[in-house]
Amino acid sequence: MFSNYLIGLREGLEASLVVCILIAYLVKTGRREALRPIWSGIALAIALALGFGCVLEFGSQELTFQAQEALGGSLSIVAVGLVTWMVFWMRRTARHLKAELHGKLDAALAMGTGALVATAFLAVGREGLETALFVWASVHAAGDGSPRPLIGVALGLASAVLLGWLFYRGAVRINLAKFFTWTGGMLVVVAAGVLAYGVHDLQEADLLPGLTSLAFDISGTIPPDSWYGTLLKGVFNFQPDPTVLQSVVWLLYLVPALALFLAPVGFASGKGKVKAPDDQGSRTSKASQV
């Protein structure tokens, strides 16, 4: 449940910040008439993400077992690729996100209502599709059939919306550099587990060899049905009896990805400050640049 809460919080806050920046810019520049197309684009993006999630969940139920495993494994690998790209992209470009969105919004305002809807739709829709795919892959990897993963996602999204609103109103000060570093690092760990389980699915579908070659089996020490086994499974997609291929893929992804993500970069010194996207321009955020 925690890993899914983290996904909802991280992805949801990114989308919330995008919405805050767009709305605050329109309000501060006296273009409130453009708010309705922006909200329309956001609503369409949310509907697309929900529809995509439903297609993934209900469409896969009509497939054979091998087809389900092949689809689940393939989409898990795609989801890991997208999430990895997302955390590195946010770390590199968050510094210029506000200026980039302002530029796109100015261009859309000059083109008309349809361009405004498209701008909001594309800005939020990408986050929504990434969230739907990674949540589906994570829930599929958990495989316990309980509603807890979805509850975790819902709580994470609700927290993100609340934080976004408080940030817009200037009621909270968020160190974005630390937030995105910590949550990004944890998402890389979660993604490693999803990737390993995706490999297991492909082995189940007979698309990869080595299903019976176990790296180790500590089911006796950490029973999968114990509270701590369930906790490790829910947070890290931990498996007490992984195959050799799963273990190798997990290590080959996690070690270099974490090393690269946590490596210092030129703009991660924390010297810059960004202004909170509020409608009065007088309240500031203590958020450091990523």
C-alpha atoms as a PDB file:
ATOM      1  CA  MET A   1       0.000   0.000   0.000  1.00  0.00           C
ATOM      2  CA  PHE A   2       2.850   2.401   0.813  1.00  0.00           C
ATOM      3  CA  SER A   3       4.498   1.979  -2.572  1.00  0.00           C
ATOM      4  CA  ASN A   4       1.209   2.806  -4.305  1.00  0.00           C
ATOM      5  CA  TYR A   5       0.682   5.785  -1.996  1.00  0.00           C
ATOM      6  CA  LEU A   6       4.144   6.978  -2.997  1.00  0.00           C
ATOM      7  CA  ILE A   7       3.293   6.604  -6.701  1.00  0.00           C
ATOM      8  CA  GLY A   8       0.063   8.566  -6.280  1.00  0.00           C
ATOM      9  CA  LEU A   9       1.769  11.261  -4.207  1.00  0.00           C
ATOM     10  CA  ARG A  10       4.762  11.712  -6.488  1.00  0.00           C
ATOM     11  CA  GLU A  11       2.903  11.677  -9.801  1.00  0.00           C
ATOM     12  CA  GLY A  12      -0.048  13.581  -8.388  1.00  0.00           C
ATOM     13  CA  LEU A  13       2.113  16.357  -6.981  1.00  0.00           C
ATOM     14  CA  GLU A  14       3.873  16.810 -10.301  1.00  0.00           C
ATOM     15  CA  ALA A  15       0.492  17.194 -12.005  1.00  0.00           C
ATOM     16  CA  SER A  16      -0.728  19.495  -9.223  1.00  0.00           C
ATOM     17  CA  LEU A  17       2.293  21.757  -9.606  1.00  0.00           C
ATOM     18  CA  VAL A  18       1.702  21.944 -13.359  1.00  0.00           C
ATOM     19  CA  VAL A  19      -1.942  22.914 -12.775  1.00  0.00           C
ATOM     20  CA  CYS A  20      -0.935  25.501 -10.146  1.00  0.00           C
ATOM     21  CA  ILE A  21       1.575  27.113 -12.483  1.00  0.00           C
ATOM     22  CA  LEU A  22      -0.910  27.307 -15.354  1.00  0.00           C
ATOM     23  CA  ILE A  23      -3.763  28.712 -13.279  1.00  0.00           C
ATOM     24  CA  ALA A  24      -1.618  31.138 -11.297  1.00  0.00           C
ATOM     25  CA  TYR A  25      -0.115  32.572 -14.487  1.00  0.00           C
ATOM     26  CA  LEU A  26      -3.539  33.199 -15.991  1.00  0.00           C
ATOM     27  CA  VAL A  27      -4.848  34.785 -12.793  1.00  0.00           C
ATOM     28  CA  LYS A  28      -1.787  36.992 -12.316  1.00  0.00           C
ATOM     29  CA  THR A  29      -1.924  38.209 -15.929  1.00  0.00           C
ATOM     30  CA  GLY A  30      -5.656  38.973 -15.759  1.00  0.00           C
ATOM     31  CA  ARG A  31      -6.761  36.237 -18.189  1.00  0.00           C
ATOM     32  CA  ARG A  32      -9.354  34.485 -16.075  1.00  0.00           C
ATOM     33  CA  GLU A  33     -11.530  33.843 -19.140  1.00  0.00           C
ATOM     34  CA  ALA A  34      -8.954  31.246 -20.195  1.00  0.00           C
ATOM     35  CA  LEU A  35      -9.438  29.198 -17.019  1.00  0.00           C
ATOM     36  CA  ARG A  36     -12.422  27.237 -18.368  1.00  0.00           C
ATOM     37  CA  PRO A  37     -10.507  25.760 -21.345  1.00  0.00           C
ATOM     38  CA  ILE A  38      -7.654  24.881 -18.982  1.00  0.00           C
ATOM     39  CA  TRP A  39     -10.004  23.020 -16.640  1.00  0.00           C
ATOM     40  CA  SER A  40     -11.595  21.295 -19.654  1.00  0.00           C
ATOM     41  CA  GLY A  41      -8.184  20.045 -20.772  1.00  0.00           C
ATOM     42  CA  ILE A  42      -7.411  18.820 -17.253  1.00  0.00           C
ATOM     43  CA  ALA A  43     -10.758  16.984 -17.062  1.00  0.00           C
ATOM     44  CA  LEU A  44     -10.092  15.293 -20.413  1.00  0.00           C
ATOM     45  CA  ALA A  45      -6.624  14.230 -19.224  1.00  0.00           C
ATOM     46  CA  ILE A  46      -8.068  12.688 -16.051  1.00  0.00           C
ATOM     47  CA  ALA A  47     -10.751  10.875 -18.068  1.00  0.00           C
ATOM     48  CA  LEU A  48      -8.084   9.519 -20.433  1.00  0.00           C
ATOM     49  CA  ALA A  49      -5.976   8.210 -17.541  1.00  0.00           C
ATOM     50  CA  LEU A  50      -8.992   6.523 -15.902  1.00  0.00           C
ATOM     51  CA  GLY A  51     -10.069   5.022 -19.216  1.00  0.00           C
ATOM     52  CA  PHE A  52      -6.568   3.738 -19.889  1.00  0.00           C
ATOM     53  CA  GLY A  53      -6.463   2.123 -16.449  1.00  0.00           C
ATOM     54  CA  CYS A  54      -9.843   0.444 -17.040  1.00  0.00           C
ATOM     55  CA  VAL A  55      -8.709  -0.887 -20.423  1.00  0.00           C
ATOM     56  CA  LEU A  56      -5.588  -2.355 -18.838  1.00  0.00           C
ATOM     57  CA  GLU A  57      -7.497  -3.969 -15.982  1.00  0.00           C
ATOM     58  CA  PHE A  58     -10.601  -5.312 -17.690  1.00  0.00           C
ATOM     59  CA  GLY A  59      -9.130  -5.919 -21.138  1.00  0.00           C
ATOM     60  CA  SER A  60      -6.445  -8.229 -19.775  1.00  0.00           C
ATOM     61  CA  GLN A  61      -9.024 -10.431 -18.017  1.00  0.00           C
ATOM     62  CA  GLU A  62     -10.244 -11.782 -21.355  1.00  0.00           C
ATOM     63  CA  LEU A  63      -6.822 -13.163 -22.279  1.00  0.00           C
ATOM     64  CA  THR A  64      -5.402 -16.641 -21.709  1.00  0.00           C
ATOM     65  CA  PHE A  65      -3.017 -17.197 -18.808  1.00  0.00           C
ATOM     66  CA  GLN A  66       0.099 -17.051 -20.987  1.00  0.00           C
ATOM     67  CA  ALA A  67      -1.171 -13.950 -22.790  1.00  0.00           C
ATOM     68  CA  GLN A  68      -1.919 -12.264 -19.449  1.00  0.00           C
ATOM     69  CA  GLU A  69       1.571 -13.027 -18.198  1.00  0.00           C
ATOM     70  CA  ALA A  70       3.148 -11.806 -21.429  1.00  0.00           C
ATOM     71  CA  LEU A  71       1.107  -8.595 -21.350  1.00  0.00           C
ATOM     72  CA  GLY A  72       1.763  -8.036 -17.657  1.00  0.00           C
ATOM     73  CA  GLY A  73       5.497  -8.594 -18.017  1.00  0.00           C
ATOM     74  CA  SER A  74       5.808  -6.397 -21.091  1.00  0.00           C
ATOM     75  CA  LEU A  75       3.802  -3.522 -19.606  1.00  0.00           C
ATOM     76  CA  SER A  76       5.731  -3.788 -16.338  1.00  0.00           C
ATOM     77  CA  ILE A  77       8.978  -3.250 -18.243  1.00  0.00           C
ATOM     78  CA  VAL A  78       7.448  -0.333 -20.164  1.00  0.00           C
ATOM     79  CA  ALA A  79       6.164   1.168 -16.902  1.00  0.00           C
ATOM     80  CA  VAL A  80       9.599   0.913 -15.305  1.00  0.00           C
ATOM     81  CA  GLY A  81      11.141   2.619 -18.334  1.00  0.00           C
ATOM     82  CA  LEU A  82       8.621   5.477 -18.177  1.00  0.00           C
ATOM     83  CA  VAL A  83       8.989   5.978 -14.423  1.00  0.00           C
ATOM     84  CA  THR A  84      12.780   5.914 -14.665  1.00  0.00           C
ATOM     85  CA  TRP A  85      12.674   8.497 -17.441  1.00  0.00           C
ATOM     86  CA  MET A  86      10.230  10.586 -15.400  1.00  0.00           C
ATOM     87  CA  VAL A  87      12.307  10.756 -12.220  1.00  0.00           C
ATOM     88  CA  PHE A  88      15.462  11.659 -14.126  1.00  0.00           C
ATOM     89  CA  TRP A  89      13.590  14.146 -16.323  1.00  0.00           C
ATOM     90  CA  MET A  90      12.087  15.909 -13.320  1.00  0.00           C
ATOM     91  CA  ARG A  91      15.484  16.079 -11.647  1.00  0.00           C
ATOM     92  CA  ARG A  92      17.011  17.703 -14.733  1.00  0.00           C
ATOM     93  CA  THR A  93      14.254  20.038 -15.879  1.00  0.00           C
ATOM     94  CA  ALA A  94      12.277  21.070 -12.789  1.00  0.00           C
ATOM     95  CA  ARG A  95      14.436  24.185 -12.633  1.00  0.00           C
ATOM     96  CA  HIS A  96      12.990  25.404 -15.937  1.00  0.00           C
ATOM     97  CA  LEU A  97       9.502  23.891 -15.664  1.00  0.00           C
ATOM     98  CA  LYS A  98       7.752  27.129 -14.739  1.00  0.00           C
ATOM     99  CA  ALA A  99       9.288  29.147 -17.591  1.00  0.00           C
ATOM    100  CA  GLU A 100       8.632  26.323 -20.057  1.00  0.00           C
ATOM    101  CA  LEU A 101       4.936  26.127 -19.127  1.00  0.00           C
ATOM    102  CA  HIS A 102       4.574  29.906 -19.285  1.00  0.00           C
ATOM    103  CA  GLY A 103       6.005  29.909 -22.793  1.00  0.00           C
ATOM    104  CA  LYS A 104       3.631  27.166 -23.952  1.00  0.00           C
ATOM    105  CA  LEU A 105       0.680  28.947 -22.356  1.00  0.00           C
ATOM    106  CA  ASP A 106       1.499  32.250 -24.058  1.00  0.00           C
ATOM    107  CA  ALA A 107       1.631  30.476 -27.405  1.00  0.00           C
ATOM    108  CA  ALA A 108      -1.678  28.715 -26.700  1.00  0.00           C
ATOM    109  CA  LEU A 109      -3.364  31.986 -25.701  1.00  0.00           C
ATOM    110  CA  ALA A 110      -2.390  33.465 -29.042  1.00  0.00           C
ATOM    111  CA  MET A 111      -3.835  30.469 -30.920  1.00  0.00           C
ATOM    112  CA  GLY A 112      -7.212  30.263 -29.198  1.00  0.00           C
ATOM    113  CA  THR A 113      -9.412  28.075 -26.996  1.00  0.00           C
ATOM    114  CA  GLY A 114      -8.539  24.756 -28.623  1.00  0.00           C
ATOM    115  CA  ALA A 115      -4.839  25.327 -28.055  1.00  0.00           C
ATOM    116  CA  LEU A 116      -5.480  26.079 -24.368  1.00  0.00           C
ATOM    117  CA  VAL A 117      -7.404  22.830 -23.951  1.00  0.00           C
ATOM    118  CA  ALA A 118      -4.614  20.924 -25.722  1.00  0.00           C
ATOM    119  CA  THR A 119      -1.896  22.543 -23.591  1.00  0.00           C
ATOM    120  CA  ALA A 120      -3.564  21.558 -20.309  1.00  0.00           C
ATOM    121  CA  PHE A 121      -4.474  18.128 -21.680  1.00  0.00           C
ATOM    122  CA  LEU A 122      -0.920  17.318 -22.759  1.00  0.00           C
ATOM    123  CA  ALA A 123       0.675  18.760 -19.606  1.00  0.00           C
ATOM    124  CA  VAL A 124      -1.501  16.706 -17.244  1.00  0.00           C
ATOM    125  CA  GLY A 125      -2.283  13.750 -19.504  1.00  0.00           C
ATOM    126  CA  ARG A 126       1.307  12.528 -19.625  1.00  0.00           C
ATOM    127  CA  GLU A 127       1.428  12.313 -15.846  1.00  0.00           C
ATOM    128  CA  GLY A 128      -1.954  10.580 -15.790  1.00  0.00           C
ATOM    129  CA  LEU A 129      -0.974   7.905 -18.303  1.00  0.00           C
ATOM    130  CA  GLU A 130       2.322   7.238 -16.537  1.00  0.00           C
ATOM    131  CA  THR A 131       0.482   6.946 -13.219  1.00  0.00           C
ATOM    132  CA  ALA A 132      -2.170   4.577 -14.605  1.00  0.00           C
ATOM    133  CA  LEU A 133       0.407   2.295 -16.214  1.00  0.00           C
ATOM    134  CA  PHE A 134       2.777   2.145 -13.258  1.00  0.00           C
ATOM    135  CA  VAL A 135      -0.057   1.674 -10.745  1.00  0.00           C
ATOM    136  CA  TRP A 136      -1.471  -1.171 -12.847  1.00  0.00           C
ATOM    137  CA  ALA A 137       1.952  -2.804 -13.080  1.00  0.00           C
ATOM    138  CA  SER A 138       2.551  -2.382  -9.339  1.00  0.00           C
ATOM    139  CA  VAL A 139      -0.873  -3.793  -8.396  1.00  0.00           C
ATOM    140  CA  HIS A 140      -0.351  -6.654 -10.845  1.00  0.00           C
ATOM    141  CA  ALA A 141       3.022  -7.392  -9.233  1.00  0.00           C
ATOM    142  CA  ALA A 142       1.460  -7.393  -5.749  1.00  0.00           C
ATOM    143  CA  GLY A 143      -1.106  -9.911  -6.966  1.00  0.00           C
ATOM    144  CA  ASP A 144      -3.030 -10.209  -3.686  1.00  0.00           C
ATOM    145  CA  GLY A 145      -6.385  -9.091  -5.117  1.00  0.00           C
ATOM    146  CA  SER A 146      -7.049  -6.747  -2.192  1.00  0.00           C
ATOM    147  CA  PRO A 147      -8.227  -3.140  -2.625  1.00  0.00           C
ATOM    148  CA  ARG A 148      -5.340  -1.797  -0.525  1.00  0.00           C
ATOM    149  CA  PRO A 149      -3.109  -0.825  -3.474  1.00  0.00           C
ATOM    150  CA  LEU A 150      -5.902   1.243  -5.017  1.00  0.00           C
ATOM    151  CA  ILE A 151      -6.679   2.804  -1.633  1.00  0.00           C
ATOM    152  CA  GLY A 152      -2.999   3.720  -1.342  1.00  0.00           C
ATOM    153  CA  VAL A 153      -3.038   5.362  -4.779  1.00  0.00           C
ATOM    154  CA  ALA A 154      -6.225   7.283  -3.953  1.00  0.00           C
ATOM    155  CA  LEU A 155      -4.761   8.545  -0.673  1.00  0.00           C
ATOM    156  CA  GLY A 156      -1.550   9.570  -2.451  1.00  0.00           C
ATOM    157  CA  LEU A 157      -3.448  11.502  -5.122  1.00  0.00           C
ATOM    158  CA  ALA A 158      -5.639  13.168  -2.499  1.00  0.00           C
ATOM    159  CA  SER A 159      -2.533  14.217  -0.554  1.00  0.00           C
ATOM    160  CA  ALA A 160      -0.994  15.580  -3.746  1.00  0.00           C
ATOM    161  CA  VAL A 161      -4.087  17.646  -4.565  1.00  0.00           C
ATOM    162  CA  LEU A 162      -4.162  19.042  -1.027  1.00  0.00           C
ATOM    163  CA  LEU A 163      -0.453  19.906  -1.121  1.00  0.00           C
ATOM    164  CA  GLY A 164      -0.861  21.513  -4.529  1.00  0.00           C
ATOM    165  CA  TRP A 165      -3.724  23.685  -3.286  1.00  0.00           C
ATOM    166  CA  LEU A 166      -1.800  24.680  -0.137  1.00  0.00           C
ATOM    167  CA  PHE A 167       1.241  25.450  -2.249  1.00  0.00           C
ATOM    168  CA  TYR A 168      -0.875  27.622  -4.546  1.00  0.00           C
ATOM    169  CA  ARG A 169      -2.302  29.515  -1.576  1.00  0.00           C
ATOM    170  CA  GLY A 170       1.154  29.991  -0.092  1.00  0.00           C
ATOM    171  CA  ALA A 171       0.156  28.098   3.060  1.00  0.00           C
ATOM    172  CA  VAL A 172       3.075  25.647   2.950  1.00  0.00           C
ATOM    173  CA  ARG A 173       6.759  25.826   2.095  1.00  0.00           C
ATOM    174  CA  ILE A 174       8.014  22.770   0.237  1.00  0.00           C
ATOM    175  CA  ASN A 175      11.652  21.951  -0.392  1.00  0.00           C
ATOM    176  CA  LEU A 176      11.092  20.493  -3.832  1.00  0.00           C
ATOM    177  CA  ALA A 177      14.710  19.439  -4.242  1.00  0.00           C
ATOM    178  CA  LYS A 178      14.588  17.173  -1.185  1.00  0.00           C
ATOM    179  CA  PHE A 179      11.056  15.980  -1.918  1.00  0.00           C
ATOM    180  CA  PHE A 180      11.789  14.865  -5.479  1.00  0.00           C
ATOM    181  CA  THR A 181      15.159  13.386  -4.481  1.00  0.00           C
ATOM    182  CA  TRP A 182      13.732  11.239  -1.686  1.00  0.00           C
ATOM    183  CA  THR A 183      10.587  10.165  -3.527  1.00  0.00           C
ATOM    184  CA  GLY A 184      12.530   9.633  -6.759  1.00  0.00           C
ATOM    185  CA  GLY A 185      15.025   7.372  -4.996  1.00  0.00           C
ATOM    186  CA  MET A 186      12.236   5.360  -3.379  1.00  0.00           C
ATOM    187  CA  LEU A 187      10.444   5.040  -6.707  1.00  0.00           C
ATOM    188  CA  VAL A 188      13.615   3.638  -8.268  1.00  0.00           C
ATOM    189  CA  VAL A 189      13.621   0.919  -5.573  1.00  0.00           C
ATOM    190  CA  VAL A 190       9.926   0.206  -6.208  1.00  0.00           C
ATOM    191  CA  ALA A 191      10.565   0.139  -9.955  1.00  0.00           C
ATOM    192  CA  ALA A 192      13.330  -2.443  -9.475  1.00  0.00           C
ATOM    193  CA  GLY A 193      10.816  -4.759  -7.808  1.00  0.00           C
ATOM    194  CA  VAL A 194       8.260  -4.184 -10.575  1.00  0.00           C
ATOM    195  CA  LEU A 195      10.929  -4.908 -13.186  1.00  0.00           C
ATOM    196  CA  ALA A 196      11.921  -8.165 -11.481  1.00  0.00           C
ATOM    197  CA  TYR A 197       8.306  -9.258 -11.299  1.00  0.00           C
ATOM    198  CA  GLY A 198       7.850  -8.329 -14.960  1.00  0.00           C
ATOM    199  CA  VAL A 199      10.718 -10.667 -15.807  1.00  0.00           C
ATOM    200  CA  HIS A 200       9.003 -13.385 -13.753  1.00  0.00           C
ATOM    201  CA  ASP A 201       5.792 -12.854 -15.757  1.00  0.00           C
ATOM    202  CA  LEU A 202       7.706 -13.254 -19.007  1.00  0.00           C
ATOM    203  CA  GLN A 203       9.226 -16.451 -17.643  1.00  0.00           C
ATOM    204  CA  GLU A 204       5.728 -17.684 -16.765  1.00  0.00           C
ATOM    205  CA  ALA A 205       4.700 -16.945 -20.353  1.00  0.00           C
ATOM    206  CA  ASP A 206       7.673 -19.023 -21.623  1.00  0.00           C
ATOM    207  CA  LEU A 207       9.161 -15.963 -23.298  1.00  0.00           C
ATOM    208  CA  LEU A 208      12.256 -16.028 -21.077  1.00  0.00           C
ATOM    209  CA  PRO A 209      14.121 -19.088 -19.746  1.00  0.00           C
ATOM    210  CA  GLY A 210      15.121 -19.986 -16.224  1.00  0.00           C
ATOM    211  CA  LEU A 211      11.762 -20.197 -14.426  1.00  0.00           C
ATOM    212  CA  THR A 212      12.871 -23.133 -12.262  1.00  0.00           C
ATOM    213  CA  SER A 213      16.388 -21.784 -11.547  1.00  0.00           C
ATOM    214  CA  LEU A 214      16.023 -20.112  -8.150  1.00  0.00           C
ATOM    215  CA  ALA A 215      18.688 -17.708  -6.909  1.00  0.00           C
ATOM    216  CA  PHE A 216      17.669 -18.451  -3.314  1.00  0.00           C
ATOM    217  CA  ASP A 217      14.621 -19.429  -1.304  1.00  0.00           C
ATOM    218  CA  ILE A 218      14.092 -17.854   2.115  1.00  0.00           C
ATOM    219  CA  SER A 219      10.371 -18.569   2.329  1.00  0.00           C
ATOM    220  CA  GLY A 220      11.001 -20.355   5.609  1.00  0.00           C
ATOM    221  CA  THR A 221      12.645 -17.269   7.111  1.00  0.00           C
ATOM    222  CA  ILE A 222      10.297 -14.698   5.546  1.00  0.00           C
ATOM    223  CA  PRO A 223       6.976 -16.454   4.859  1.00  0.00           C
ATOM    224  CA  PRO A 224       5.064 -14.627   2.101  1.00  0.00           C
ATOM    225  CA  ASP A 225       1.849 -14.754   4.175  1.00  0.00           C
ATOM    226  CA  SER A 226       3.464 -13.276   7.319  1.00  0.00           C
ATOM    227  CA  TRP A 227       2.865  -9.640   8.250  1.00  0.00           C
ATOM    228  CA  TYR A 228       6.469  -8.694   7.526  1.00  0.00           C
ATOM    229  CA  GLY A 229       6.502 -10.691   4.301  1.00  0.00           C
ATOM    230  CA  THR A 230       3.324  -8.901   3.227  1.00  0.00           C
ATOM    231  CA  LEU A 231       4.854  -5.566   4.211  1.00  0.00           C
ATOM    232  CA  LEU A 232       8.013  -6.197   2.168  1.00  0.00           C
ATOM    233  CA  LYS A 233       5.913  -7.392  -0.756  1.00  0.00           C
ATOM    234  CA  GLY A 234       3.663  -4.329  -0.616  1.00  0.00           C
ATOM    235  CA  VAL A 235       6.463  -1.773  -0.288  1.00  0.00           C
ATOM    236  CA  PHE A 236       9.301  -3.242  -2.375  1.00  0.00           C
ATOM    237  CA  ASN A 237       7.588  -6.068  -4.350  1.00  0.00           C
ATOM    238  CA  PHE A 238       9.924  -8.370  -2.423  1.00  0.00           C
ATOM    239  CA  GLN A 239       9.876 -12.037  -3.384  1.00  0.00           C
ATOM    240  CA  PRO A 240      11.487 -14.635  -1.073  1.00  0.00           C
ATOM    241  CA  ASP A 241      12.191 -17.081  -3.918  1.00  0.00           C
ATOM    242  CA  PRO A 242      13.290 -15.136  -7.015  1.00  0.00           C
ATOM    243  CA  THR A 243      14.818 -16.782 -10.035  1.00  0.00           C
ATOM    244  CA  VAL A 244      18.424 -16.167 -11.002  1.00  0.00           C
ATOM    245  CA  LEU A 245      17.357 -13.994 -13.918  1.00  0.00           C
ATOM    246  CA  GLN A 246      15.067 -11.902 -11.699  1.00  0.00           C
ATOM    247  CA  SER A 247      17.886 -11.279  -9.217  1.00  0.00           C
ATOM    248  CA  VAL A 248      20.367 -10.351 -11.927  1.00  0.00           C
ATOM    249  CA  VAL A 249      17.940  -7.938 -13.606  1.00  0.00           C
ATOM    250  CA  TRP A 250      17.036  -6.388 -10.233  1.00  0.00           C
ATOM    251  CA  LEU A 251      20.689  -5.719  -9.427  1.00  0.00           C
ATOM    252  CA  LEU A 252      21.605  -4.529 -12.920  1.00  0.00           C
ATOM    253  CA  TYR A 253      18.794  -1.982 -12.785  1.00  0.00           C
ATOM    254  CA  LEU A 254      18.847  -0.849  -9.155  1.00  0.00           C
ATOM    255  CA  VAL A 255      22.561  -0.270  -8.572  1.00  0.00           C
ATOM    256  CA  PRO A 256      23.382   1.914 -11.611  1.00  0.00           C
ATOM    257  CA  ALA A 257      19.987   3.685 -11.561  1.00  0.00           C
ATOM    258  CA  LEU A 258      20.357   4.710  -7.912  1.00  0.00           C
ATOM    259  CA  ALA A 259      24.000   5.658  -8.392  1.00  0.00           C
ATOM    260  CA  LEU A 260      23.170   7.908 -11.350  1.00  0.00           C
ATOM    261  CA  PHE A 261      20.094   9.385  -9.682  1.00  0.00           C
ATOM    262  CA  LEU A 262      21.881  10.242  -6.436  1.00  0.00           C
ATOM    263  CA  ALA A 263      25.018  11.540  -8.154  1.00  0.00           C
ATOM    264  CA  PRO A 264      25.466  15.313  -7.684  1.00  0.00           C
ATOM    265  CA  VAL A 265      24.570  17.487 -10.643  1.00  0.00           C
ATOM    266  CA  GLY A 266      25.437  21.074 -11.414  1.00  0.00           C
ATOM    267  CA  PHE A 267      22.052  22.548 -10.620  1.00  0.00           C
ATOM    268  CA  ALA A 268      21.354  20.432  -7.540  1.00  0.00           C
ATOM    269  CA  SER A 269      23.346  22.661  -5.181  1.00  0.00           C
ATOM    270  CA  GLY A 270      20.165  24.108  -3.703  1.00  0.00           C
ATOM    271  CA  LYS A 271      21.261  27.724  -4.110  1.00  0.00           C
ATOM    272  CA  GLY A 272      18.278  28.792  -6.225  1.00  0.00           C
ATOM    273  CA  LYS A 273      14.820  29.547  -4.961  1.00  0.00           C
ATOM    274  CA  VAL A 274      11.582  29.516  -6.882  1.00  0.00           C
ATOM    275  CA  LYS A 275       8.554  31.683  -6.370  1.00  0.00           C
ATOM    276  CA  ALA A 276       5.339  30.003  -5.341  1.00  0.00           C
ATOM    277  CA  PRO A 277       2.707  30.052  -8.095  1.00  0.00           C
ATOM    278  CA  ASP A 278       0.170  32.077  -6.144  1.00  0.00           C
ATOM    279  CA  ASP A 279      -2.322  34.538  -7.544  1.00  0.00           C
ATOM    280  CA  GLN A 280      -0.995  37.572  -5.686  1.00  0.00           C
ATOM    281  CA  GLY A 281       2.717  37.169  -6.306  1.00  0.00           C
ATOM    282  CA  SER A 282       3.595  38.101  -2.723  1.00  0.00           C
ATOM    283  CA  ARG A 283       4.037  34.702  -1.137  1.00  0.00           C
ATOM    284  CA  THR A 284       7.112  32.641  -1.933  1.00  0.00           C
ATOM    285  CA  SER A 285       8.039  29.027  -1.649  1.00  0.00           C
ATOM    286  CA  LYS A 286      11.161  27.878   0.038  1.00  0.00           C
ATOM    287  CA  ALA A 287      11.512  25.202  -2.608  1.00  0.00           C
ATOM    288  CA  SER A 288      15.029  24.685  -3.831  1.00  0.00           C
ATOM    289  CA  GLN A 289      15.683  24.060  -7.469  1.00  0.00           C
ATOM    290  CA  VAL A 290      16.194  20.448  -8.442  1.00  0.00           C
END
